[in-house]
N, C-alpha and C. Protein backbone atom coordinates (compact mmCIF):
# COMPACT_ATOMS: atom_id res chain seq x y z
N MET A 1 -68.08 -47.73 -47.29
CA MET A 1 -67.71 -48.68 -46.40
C MET A 1 -66.93 -47.90 -45.30
N ALA A 2 -67.23 -48.47 -43.97
CA ALA A 2 -66.45 -47.97 -43.03
C ALA A 2 -65.27 -48.69 -42.82
N ILE A 3 -64.22 -47.94 -42.40
CA ILE A 3 -62.89 -48.66 -42.11
C ILE A 3 -62.91 -49.01 -40.73
N ILE A 4 -62.56 -50.44 -40.47
CA ILE A 4 -62.46 -51.07 -39.23
C ILE A 4 -61.16 -51.42 -38.99
N LYS A 5 -60.56 -50.51 -37.85
CA LYS A 5 -59.39 -50.76 -37.43
C LYS A 5 -59.19 -52.09 -36.50
N PRO A 6 -58.16 -52.65 -36.66
CA PRO A 6 -57.67 -53.92 -35.90
C PRO A 6 -57.32 -53.42 -34.67
N PHE A 7 -57.66 -54.31 -33.41
CA PHE A 7 -57.21 -53.96 -32.10
C PHE A 7 -55.65 -54.51 -31.96
N ILE A 8 -54.85 -53.92 -31.82
CA ILE A 8 -53.23 -54.00 -31.42
C ILE A 8 -52.98 -53.47 -30.40
N ALA A 9 -52.31 -54.09 -29.41
CA ALA A 9 -51.66 -53.70 -28.13
C ALA A 9 -50.37 -54.13 -27.85
N SER A 10 -49.58 -53.67 -27.06
CA SER A 10 -48.35 -54.09 -26.85
C SER A 10 -48.02 -54.32 -25.36
N ARG A 11 -47.33 -55.35 -25.15
CA ARG A 11 -46.69 -55.48 -23.81
C ARG A 11 -45.21 -55.47 -24.04
N ARG A 12 -44.63 -54.84 -22.54
CA ARG A 12 -43.33 -54.38 -22.64
C ARG A 12 -42.51 -55.29 -21.46
N PHE A 13 -41.25 -55.97 -21.80
CA PHE A 13 -40.58 -56.55 -20.74
C PHE A 13 -39.10 -56.06 -20.73
N ALA A 14 -38.77 -55.94 -19.43
CA ALA A 14 -37.13 -55.55 -19.16
C ALA A 14 -36.35 -56.33 -18.56
N SER A 15 -35.16 -56.40 -18.76
CA SER A 15 -34.16 -57.44 -18.20
C SER A 15 -32.71 -56.80 -18.43
N THR A 16 -31.60 -57.60 -18.11
CA THR A 16 -30.32 -57.10 -18.46
C THR A 16 -29.61 -58.15 -19.43
N ALA A 17 -28.63 -57.91 -19.99
CA ALA A 17 -27.98 -58.79 -20.76
C ALA A 17 -27.38 -59.83 -19.86
N GLY A 18 -27.14 -59.66 -18.57
CA GLY A 18 -26.46 -60.35 -17.67
C GLY A 18 -27.43 -61.54 -17.24
N ALA A 19 -28.64 -61.66 -17.52
CA ALA A 19 -29.64 -62.45 -17.22
C ALA A 19 -29.53 -63.80 -18.41
N GLY A 20 -28.86 -63.37 -19.33
CA GLY A 20 -28.97 -64.42 -20.37
C GLY A 20 -27.82 -65.52 -20.23
N THR A 21 -28.18 -66.79 -20.81
CA THR A 21 -27.15 -67.91 -20.74
C THR A 21 -26.72 -68.18 -22.02
N GLY A 22 -25.88 -69.00 -22.28
CA GLY A 22 -25.26 -69.35 -23.61
C GLY A 22 -24.23 -68.57 -24.15
N THR A 23 -23.57 -69.05 -25.19
CA THR A 23 -22.49 -68.11 -25.83
C THR A 23 -23.04 -68.26 -27.34
N GLY A 24 -22.24 -67.03 -28.12
CA GLY A 24 -22.57 -66.80 -29.48
C GLY A 24 -23.76 -67.07 -29.86
N ALA A 25 -24.02 -67.95 -30.85
CA ALA A 25 -25.37 -68.20 -31.58
C ALA A 25 -26.42 -68.66 -30.66
N THR A 26 -26.20 -69.05 -29.38
CA THR A 26 -26.97 -69.53 -28.51
C THR A 26 -27.45 -68.86 -27.56
N PHE A 27 -26.75 -67.66 -27.48
CA PHE A 27 -27.07 -66.76 -26.25
C PHE A 27 -28.70 -66.32 -26.23
N SER A 28 -29.19 -66.53 -25.19
CA SER A 28 -30.78 -66.25 -24.97
C SER A 28 -31.00 -65.86 -23.83
N ILE A 29 -32.18 -64.95 -23.41
CA ILE A 29 -32.45 -64.63 -22.17
C ILE A 29 -34.01 -65.21 -21.71
N ALA A 30 -33.99 -65.94 -20.90
CA ALA A 30 -35.66 -66.66 -20.94
C ALA A 30 -36.64 -65.81 -20.20
N ALA A 31 -37.74 -65.76 -20.71
CA ALA A 31 -39.02 -64.93 -20.44
C ALA A 31 -39.18 -64.74 -19.06
N THR A 32 -38.84 -65.47 -18.30
CA THR A 32 -38.81 -65.60 -16.76
C THR A 32 -37.97 -64.61 -16.06
N ALA A 33 -36.89 -64.10 -17.05
CA ALA A 33 -35.80 -63.28 -16.45
C ALA A 33 -36.26 -61.71 -16.63
N PHE A 34 -37.43 -61.65 -17.32
CA PHE A 34 -37.76 -60.14 -17.48
C PHE A 34 -38.86 -59.96 -16.45
N THR A 35 -38.93 -58.34 -16.34
CA THR A 35 -40.12 -58.06 -15.54
C THR A 35 -41.05 -57.37 -16.56
N THR A 36 -42.23 -57.22 -16.08
CA THR A 36 -43.48 -56.66 -16.81
C THR A 36 -43.68 -55.12 -16.63
N ASP A 37 -44.39 -54.65 -17.37
CA ASP A 37 -44.56 -53.24 -17.11
C ASP A 37 -45.20 -52.76 -15.65
N ALA A 38 -45.75 -53.88 -15.16
CA ALA A 38 -46.37 -53.83 -13.90
C ALA A 38 -45.25 -54.24 -12.50
N GLY A 39 -44.06 -54.26 -13.09
CA GLY A 39 -43.08 -54.74 -12.23
C GLY A 39 -43.05 -55.99 -11.69
N THR A 40 -43.94 -57.00 -12.27
CA THR A 40 -43.81 -58.33 -11.76
C THR A 40 -43.17 -59.35 -12.74
N ALA A 41 -42.68 -60.41 -12.30
CA ALA A 41 -41.98 -61.39 -13.11
C ALA A 41 -42.68 -61.95 -14.28
N ALA A 42 -42.38 -62.03 -15.50
CA ALA A 42 -42.94 -62.40 -16.46
C ALA A 42 -42.88 -64.13 -16.53
N ALA A 43 -44.34 -64.66 -16.70
CA ALA A 43 -44.40 -66.12 -16.88
C ALA A 43 -43.81 -66.61 -18.24
N ALA A 44 -44.18 -65.84 -19.27
CA ALA A 44 -43.92 -65.79 -20.49
C ALA A 44 -44.06 -64.79 -21.38
N PHE A 45 -43.59 -64.96 -22.73
CA PHE A 45 -43.99 -63.90 -23.42
C PHE A 45 -45.30 -64.22 -24.46
N PRO A 46 -46.20 -63.12 -24.65
CA PRO A 46 -47.32 -63.61 -25.34
C PRO A 46 -46.83 -64.00 -26.91
N VAL A 47 -47.85 -64.85 -27.84
CA VAL A 47 -47.27 -64.81 -28.90
C VAL A 47 -47.39 -63.79 -29.68
N PRO A 48 -46.09 -63.21 -30.19
CA PRO A 48 -46.06 -62.04 -30.95
C PRO A 48 -46.61 -61.89 -32.22
N THR A 49 -47.48 -60.78 -32.66
CA THR A 49 -47.99 -60.16 -33.91
C THR A 49 -46.47 -59.96 -34.53
N TYR A 50 -45.92 -59.00 -33.85
CA TYR A 50 -44.48 -58.53 -34.23
C TYR A 50 -43.59 -58.21 -32.80
N TYR A 51 -42.52 -58.00 -32.99
CA TYR A 51 -41.96 -57.43 -31.54
C TYR A 51 -40.78 -56.52 -31.95
N ASN A 52 -40.35 -55.39 -31.34
CA ASN A 52 -39.23 -54.54 -31.07
C ASN A 52 -38.21 -55.09 -30.03
N LEU A 53 -36.87 -55.10 -30.30
CA LEU A 53 -35.82 -55.45 -29.18
C LEU A 53 -35.08 -54.04 -29.07
N TYR A 54 -34.95 -53.76 -28.04
CA TYR A 54 -34.11 -52.54 -27.66
C TYR A 54 -32.79 -52.96 -26.92
N ILE A 55 -31.79 -52.78 -27.24
CA ILE A 55 -30.42 -52.97 -26.46
C ILE A 55 -30.02 -51.69 -26.25
N ASN A 56 -29.79 -51.36 -24.95
CA ASN A 56 -29.28 -50.16 -24.41
C ASN A 56 -30.07 -49.15 -25.08
N SER A 57 -31.51 -49.14 -25.08
CA SER A 57 -32.21 -48.21 -25.47
C SER A 57 -32.21 -47.88 -27.03
N MET A 58 -31.47 -48.56 -27.69
CA MET A 58 -31.33 -48.70 -29.18
C MET A 58 -32.07 -49.79 -29.70
N ILE A 59 -32.98 -49.35 -30.70
CA ILE A 59 -33.82 -50.30 -31.62
C ILE A 59 -32.80 -51.25 -32.44
N GLN A 60 -32.96 -52.56 -32.60
CA GLN A 60 -32.44 -53.40 -33.10
C GLN A 60 -33.00 -53.77 -34.58
N THR A 61 -32.31 -54.23 -35.58
CA THR A 61 -32.99 -54.71 -36.93
C THR A 61 -33.77 -56.10 -36.50
N GLY A 62 -34.48 -56.48 -37.34
CA GLY A 62 -35.21 -57.60 -37.25
C GLY A 62 -34.29 -58.89 -37.39
N ASP A 63 -33.26 -58.83 -37.80
CA ASP A 63 -32.31 -60.08 -38.03
C ASP A 63 -31.28 -60.30 -36.93
N THR A 64 -31.62 -59.49 -35.87
CA THR A 64 -30.79 -59.49 -34.67
C THR A 64 -31.08 -60.39 -33.42
N SER A 65 -32.46 -60.95 -33.67
CA SER A 65 -33.00 -61.72 -32.57
C SER A 65 -33.90 -62.58 -33.20
N THR A 66 -34.24 -63.73 -32.53
CA THR A 66 -35.82 -64.45 -32.64
C THR A 66 -36.22 -64.79 -31.28
N ILE A 67 -37.58 -64.95 -31.21
CA ILE A 67 -38.24 -64.72 -30.20
C ILE A 67 -39.48 -66.24 -30.23
N THR A 68 -39.46 -66.56 -29.05
CA THR A 68 -40.65 -67.69 -28.78
C THR A 68 -41.26 -67.16 -27.35
N THR A 69 -42.20 -68.06 -26.95
CA THR A 69 -42.92 -67.52 -25.78
C THR A 69 -42.16 -67.75 -24.64
N THR A 70 -41.04 -68.67 -24.64
CA THR A 70 -40.23 -68.84 -23.64
C THR A 70 -38.75 -68.22 -23.64
N ALA A 71 -38.28 -67.73 -24.63
CA ALA A 71 -37.24 -66.90 -24.61
C ALA A 71 -37.18 -66.13 -25.98
N ILE A 72 -35.88 -65.10 -25.57
CA ILE A 72 -35.32 -64.50 -26.93
C ILE A 72 -33.95 -64.83 -27.28
N THR A 73 -33.43 -65.02 -28.30
CA THR A 73 -32.17 -65.54 -28.65
C THR A 73 -31.60 -64.40 -29.38
N ILE A 74 -30.40 -63.62 -28.70
CA ILE A 74 -29.74 -62.73 -29.32
C ILE A 74 -28.27 -63.30 -29.66
N PRO A 75 -27.92 -63.53 -30.67
CA PRO A 75 -26.60 -64.36 -31.24
C PRO A 75 -25.61 -63.14 -31.01
N GLY A 76 -24.67 -63.48 -30.28
CA GLY A 76 -23.81 -62.80 -29.96
C GLY A 76 -23.98 -61.76 -28.70
N GLY A 77 -24.99 -61.77 -28.34
CA GLY A 77 -25.26 -61.06 -26.94
C GLY A 77 -24.50 -61.17 -25.53
N ASP A 78 -23.79 -62.44 -25.58
CA ASP A 78 -22.84 -62.70 -24.51
C ASP A 78 -21.58 -61.59 -24.59
N ALA A 79 -21.50 -60.89 -25.52
CA ALA A 79 -20.41 -59.98 -25.68
C ALA A 79 -20.63 -58.67 -25.05
N LEU A 80 -22.11 -58.59 -24.74
CA LEU A 80 -22.61 -57.31 -23.90
C LEU A 80 -22.13 -57.14 -22.59
N ASP A 81 -21.89 -55.93 -22.03
CA ASP A 81 -21.75 -55.91 -20.71
C ASP A 81 -23.09 -56.34 -20.04
N PRO A 82 -22.86 -57.15 -19.14
CA PRO A 82 -23.89 -57.41 -18.29
C PRO A 82 -24.96 -56.68 -17.45
N ALA A 83 -24.75 -55.51 -17.65
CA ALA A 83 -25.63 -54.45 -17.14
C ALA A 83 -26.45 -53.59 -18.10
N VAL A 84 -26.19 -54.12 -19.46
CA VAL A 84 -26.84 -53.27 -20.51
C VAL A 84 -28.23 -53.80 -20.58
N PRO A 85 -29.22 -52.72 -20.56
CA PRO A 85 -30.53 -53.15 -20.53
C PRO A 85 -31.11 -53.47 -21.66
N ILE A 86 -32.04 -54.73 -21.69
CA ILE A 86 -32.49 -55.40 -22.72
C ILE A 86 -34.08 -54.94 -22.47
N ILE A 87 -34.57 -54.42 -23.42
CA ILE A 87 -36.20 -54.17 -23.44
C ILE A 87 -36.67 -55.01 -24.90
N VAL A 88 -38.07 -55.74 -24.55
CA VAL A 88 -38.72 -56.30 -25.66
C VAL A 88 -40.01 -55.82 -25.66
N GLU A 89 -40.48 -55.31 -26.59
CA GLU A 89 -41.90 -54.93 -26.94
C GLU A 89 -42.66 -55.67 -27.78
N ILE A 90 -43.62 -56.41 -27.48
CA ILE A 90 -44.51 -57.18 -28.31
C ILE A 90 -45.77 -56.69 -28.58
N ALA A 91 -46.10 -56.65 -29.85
CA ALA A 91 -47.70 -56.47 -30.25
C ALA A 91 -48.12 -57.57 -30.15
N VAL A 92 -49.46 -57.60 -29.79
CA VAL A 92 -50.50 -58.52 -29.71
C VAL A 92 -51.80 -58.11 -30.34
N THR A 93 -52.26 -59.27 -30.73
CA THR A 93 -53.79 -58.96 -31.21
C THR A 93 -54.86 -59.50 -30.72
C-alpha cells in the first residue's frame, strides 16, 4: 500500500512586541498588527494545525502563548522591549 502524505503548508506573520496591548497575562497582539510574507497587513490568522512562536528569533515552548484567529496572547510579553520582533509561523492543512 502506498503512503499518502498529507498536505501541510505554513503561513508566517511578523510584528513587534510594541504592537501588543494589555499587561501580564492579558498581553496580546492582534492578527491585524502583523504583516504576511507578501508584506501586506494580515486580516486574521488561519485556523492553526499547530504554530511556532519566535520572539527575537528564538523559538518558544508551547506553553509560552495561545493563539486564536484574531490574536496571539503572550503572558508577560509587555515586559519585552517594544522593538523585539515577533514571528508566528502557522501550519495549515
